[in-house]
Amino acid sequence: MLRDWEDAGGFTEEERKLFIEAEDFNERKAVERMRDERRRREDEEELKKSWPNTEEGRVFVQFAQAFAACRKLLEQSPETAETAQRADGKTLDIYSKLRENLALANRAPRCSYRKSDGQLCRAPKMKGEEYCCMHLAMEAARPKKFSLPALDDANAIQVAITKGAQGLLDGTLDEKCAVKLAHYLRLAASNVSKVRFEPDEGEIS
């Protein structure tokens, strides 16, 4: 479903301008990926807002609260597990299996991408790859002739601005490309506060 701020192709005004100014197929595809990622984030934000008010959302909240309460009880009174096993072993087995699966997920290998502030990305990496799905996509979208960091935080955007200015001065970036780069950097700056690559602390602790 199109948003009020999108055209028939699902582009915002700025995305449409970038698409029209694209010089080749790869640049147009990069803009389309940018559009798709923005729309995905907006869909997720809308889902998060509406989820607590749905029947499914309420059931999941109740489940999470019950699981947390059960974990706290067993941590405070380990002997309760033996009592629960005698009284209702099937329910305890379900809890134990869920806890084991969570522990396995938390031990999953993490993305090895190092951001411009020196910190490693904490999102789970894709199977057989070094990076998470988002950083793989961002690396694939990098221009080949002019190297930029993945624009995933404010520090990286500032580095890109500095490199763009240097490229313009030393001739590795022409004025036309610099103008287009400025458009992309403005878009990245407007989106950076909405981007979330990593799980919350509670999801990996």
Protein backbone atom coordinates (compact mmCIF):
# COMPACT_ATOMS: atom_id res chain seq x y z
CA MET A 1 0.00 0.00 0.00
CA LEU A 2 1.34 3.41 -1.01
CA ARG A 3 1.89 6.07 1.63
CA ASP A 4 0.63 9.62 1.23
CA TRP A 5 4.20 10.83 0.67
CA GLU A 6 4.98 8.30 -2.11
CA ASP A 7 4.36 8.41 -5.85
CA ALA A 8 2.96 5.59 -7.96
CA GLY A 9 6.32 3.79 -7.86
CA GLY A 10 6.57 3.97 -4.08
CA PHE A 11 9.29 6.65 -4.19
CA THR A 12 9.51 9.73 -2.02
CA GLU A 13 10.17 13.00 -3.82
CA GLU A 14 13.89 12.83 -3.04
CA GLU A 15 14.16 9.15 -4.02
CA ARG A 16 12.42 9.87 -7.34
CA LYS A 17 14.86 12.68 -8.04
CA LEU A 18 17.80 10.35 -7.38
CA PHE A 19 16.24 7.68 -9.61
CA ILE A 20 15.76 10.12 -12.49
CA GLU A 21 19.34 11.39 -12.15
CA ALA A 22 20.80 7.85 -12.09
CA GLU A 23 23.13 7.29 -15.02
CA ASP A 24 22.92 3.51 -15.35
CA PHE A 25 21.09 0.36 -14.30
CA ASN A 26 23.22 -0.22 -11.19
CA GLU A 27 22.56 3.27 -9.85
CA ARG A 28 18.81 2.89 -10.43
CA LYS A 29 18.85 -0.46 -8.64
CA ALA A 30 20.71 1.13 -5.73
CA VAL A 31 17.96 3.76 -5.41
CA GLU A 32 15.31 1.03 -5.58
CA ARG A 33 17.05 -0.88 -2.78
CA MET A 34 17.15 2.32 -0.75
CA ARG A 35 13.42 2.78 -1.34
CA ASP A 36 12.65 -0.82 -0.41
CA GLU A 37 14.69 -0.60 2.79
CA ARG A 38 12.95 2.63 3.82
CA ARG A 39 9.54 1.09 3.19
CA ARG A 40 10.53 -2.01 5.16
CA ARG A 41 11.53 0.16 8.13
CA GLU A 42 8.27 2.10 7.92
CA ASP A 43 6.29 -1.15 7.80
CA GLU A 44 8.15 -2.40 10.89
CA GLU A 45 7.52 0.85 12.75
CA GLU A 46 3.80 0.69 11.94
CA LEU A 47 3.64 -2.96 13.01
CA LYS A 48 5.35 -2.16 16.32
CA LYS A 49 2.80 0.57 16.99
CA SER A 50 -0.24 -1.57 16.21
CA TRP A 51 1.01 -4.95 17.55
CA PRO A 52 0.30 -4.36 21.28
CA ASN A 53 -3.36 -3.65 20.48
CA THR A 54 -3.93 -6.92 18.62
CA GLU A 55 -5.04 -10.18 20.23
CA GLU A 56 -1.87 -11.86 19.03
CA GLY A 57 0.26 -9.09 20.48
CA ARG A 58 -1.42 -9.36 23.88
CA VAL A 59 -0.88 -13.13 23.92
CA PHE A 60 2.82 -12.73 23.13
CA VAL A 61 3.23 -10.10 25.82
CA GLN A 62 1.60 -12.43 28.34
CA PHE A 63 3.89 -15.24 27.23
CA ALA A 64 7.01 -13.08 27.54
CA GLN A 65 5.98 -11.92 31.00
CA ALA A 66 5.26 -15.50 32.13
CA PHE A 67 8.59 -16.74 30.74
CA ALA A 68 10.48 -13.94 32.51
CA ALA A 69 8.64 -14.64 35.77
CA CYS A 70 9.43 -18.35 35.51
CA ARG A 71 13.12 -17.67 34.87
CA LYS A 72 13.30 -15.28 37.82
CA LEU A 73 11.59 -17.82 40.09
CA LEU A 74 14.02 -20.60 39.17
CA GLU A 75 17.01 -18.29 39.57
CA GLN A 76 15.88 -17.29 43.06
CA SER A 77 14.72 -20.77 44.09
CA PRO A 78 16.57 -23.47 42.09
CA GLU A 79 14.91 -26.18 44.18
CA THR A 80 11.59 -25.21 42.59
CA ALA A 81 12.65 -26.99 39.40
CA GLU A 82 12.64 -30.36 41.19
CA THR A 83 9.20 -29.69 42.62
CA ALA A 84 7.89 -28.59 39.23
CA GLN A 85 9.33 -31.70 37.61
CA ARG A 86 7.43 -33.94 40.00
CA ALA A 87 4.21 -31.92 39.76
CA ASP A 88 4.17 -30.96 36.07
CA GLY A 89 7.24 -32.23 34.22
CA LYS A 90 5.79 -31.54 30.77
CA THR A 91 5.44 -27.80 31.38
CA LEU A 92 8.92 -27.58 32.88
CA ASP A 93 10.33 -29.41 29.85
CA ILE A 94 8.74 -26.81 27.56
CA TYR A 95 10.31 -23.99 29.57
CA SER A 96 13.70 -25.72 29.56
CA LYS A 97 13.62 -26.26 25.81
CA LEU A 98 12.71 -22.63 25.16
CA ARG A 99 15.52 -21.45 27.41
CA GLU A 100 17.99 -23.76 25.65
CA ASN A 101 16.95 -22.44 22.22
CA LEU A 102 17.35 -18.85 23.40
CA ALA A 103 20.83 -19.63 24.68
CA LEU A 104 21.79 -21.13 21.30
CA ALA A 105 20.47 -18.07 19.46
CA ASN A 106 22.42 -15.74 21.72
CA ARG A 107 25.63 -17.65 20.94
CA ALA A 108 25.15 -17.29 17.17
CA PRO A 109 28.15 -15.73 15.37
CA ARG A 110 27.92 -11.96 14.94
CA CYS A 111 28.57 -9.72 11.96
CA SER A 112 32.27 -8.78 11.72
CA TYR A 113 31.66 -5.43 10.06
CA ARG A 114 33.51 -2.68 11.92
CA LYS A 115 31.70 0.65 11.94
CA SER A 116 33.44 3.99 11.64
CA ASP A 117 33.47 4.43 15.43
CA GLY A 118 35.48 1.20 15.75
CA GLN A 119 32.65 -0.87 17.19
CA LEU A 120 31.71 -4.20 15.64
CA CYS A 121 28.16 -4.77 14.42
CA ARG A 122 26.29 -7.03 16.85
CA ALA A 123 23.65 -8.39 14.47
CA PRO A 124 23.76 -12.14 13.63
CA LYS A 125 25.79 -12.77 10.48
CA MET A 126 24.43 -14.58 7.44
CA LYS A 127 25.33 -18.27 7.12
CA GLY A 128 28.62 -18.67 5.27
CA GLU A 129 29.27 -14.92 5.26
CA GLU A 130 31.20 -12.49 7.43
CA TYR A 131 28.48 -9.83 7.56
CA CYS A 132 24.81 -9.55 8.53
CA CYS A 133 22.23 -9.25 5.74
CA MET A 134 22.12 -5.44 5.97
CA HIS A 135 25.87 -4.91 5.80
CA LEU A 136 26.13 -7.43 2.94
CA ALA A 137 23.56 -5.40 1.00
CA MET A 138 25.29 -2.13 1.82
CA GLU A 139 28.67 -3.51 0.77
CA ALA A 140 27.19 -4.75 -2.52
CA ALA A 141 25.76 -1.28 -3.17
CA ARG A 142 29.11 0.47 -2.71
CA PRO A 143 30.41 2.34 -5.77
CA LYS A 144 33.42 0.63 -7.36
CA LYS A 145 35.40 3.70 -8.42
CA PHE A 146 34.99 5.79 -5.28
CA SER A 147 35.16 3.99 -1.95
CA LEU A 148 32.82 5.06 0.85
CA PRO A 149 32.02 3.51 4.22
CA ALA A 150 28.59 1.94 4.67
CA LEU A 151 26.38 4.88 5.70
CA ASP A 152 25.02 3.18 8.83
CA ASP A 153 25.67 5.85 11.47
CA ALA A 154 26.41 9.57 11.84
CA ASN A 155 30.17 8.97 12.07
CA ALA A 156 30.21 7.09 8.77
CA ILE A 157 28.22 9.86 7.08
CA GLN A 158 30.73 12.43 8.31
CA VAL A 159 33.60 10.29 6.98
CA ALA A 160 31.80 10.08 3.63
CA ILE A 161 31.41 13.87 3.52
CA THR A 162 35.13 14.29 4.19
CA LYS A 163 36.08 11.73 1.52
CA GLY A 164 33.70 13.34 -0.95
CA ALA A 165 35.27 16.76 -0.40
CA GLN A 166 38.75 15.28 -0.77
CA GLY A 167 37.73 13.43 -3.92
CA LEU A 168 36.40 16.64 -5.43
CA LEU A 169 39.68 18.40 -4.67
CA ASP A 170 42.01 15.68 -5.94
CA GLY A 171 39.98 14.94 -9.06
CA THR A 172 38.85 11.40 -8.26
CA LEU A 173 35.25 12.65 -8.00
CA ASP A 174 33.81 14.98 -10.64
CA GLU A 175 31.39 17.77 -9.82
CA LYS A 176 28.35 15.99 -11.25
CA CYS A 177 29.00 12.90 -9.12
CA ALA A 178 29.66 15.10 -6.10
CA VAL A 179 26.21 16.68 -6.48
CA LYS A 180 24.59 13.24 -6.64
CA LEU A 181 26.64 12.08 -3.66
CA ALA A 182 25.37 15.07 -1.69
CA HIS A 183 21.79 13.95 -2.38
CA TYR A 184 22.54 10.45 -1.09
CA LEU A 185 24.28 11.80 2.00
CA ARG A 186 21.31 14.04 2.82
CA LEU A 187 19.01 11.04 2.49
CA ALA A 188 21.31 8.91 4.67
CA ALA A 189 21.46 11.66 7.30
CA SER A 190 17.67 11.87 7.42
CA ASN A 191 17.35 8.09 7.76
CA VAL A 192 20.21 7.29 10.14
CA SER A 193 18.18 7.79 13.34
CA LYS A 194 15.57 5.31 12.07
CA VAL A 195 17.99 2.55 11.05
CA ARG A 196 18.26 -0.47 13.37
CA PHE A 197 20.66 -3.25 12.35
CA GLU A 198 21.28 -4.73 15.78
CA PRO A 199 19.03 -6.49 18.30
CA ASP A 200 18.12 -4.84 21.56
CA GLU A 201 20.33 -5.59 24.57
CA GLY A 202 17.63 -7.83 26.04
CA GLU A 203 17.58 -9.98 22.93
CA ILE A 204 21.20 -11.08 23.15
CA SER A 205 21.86 -11.05 26.89
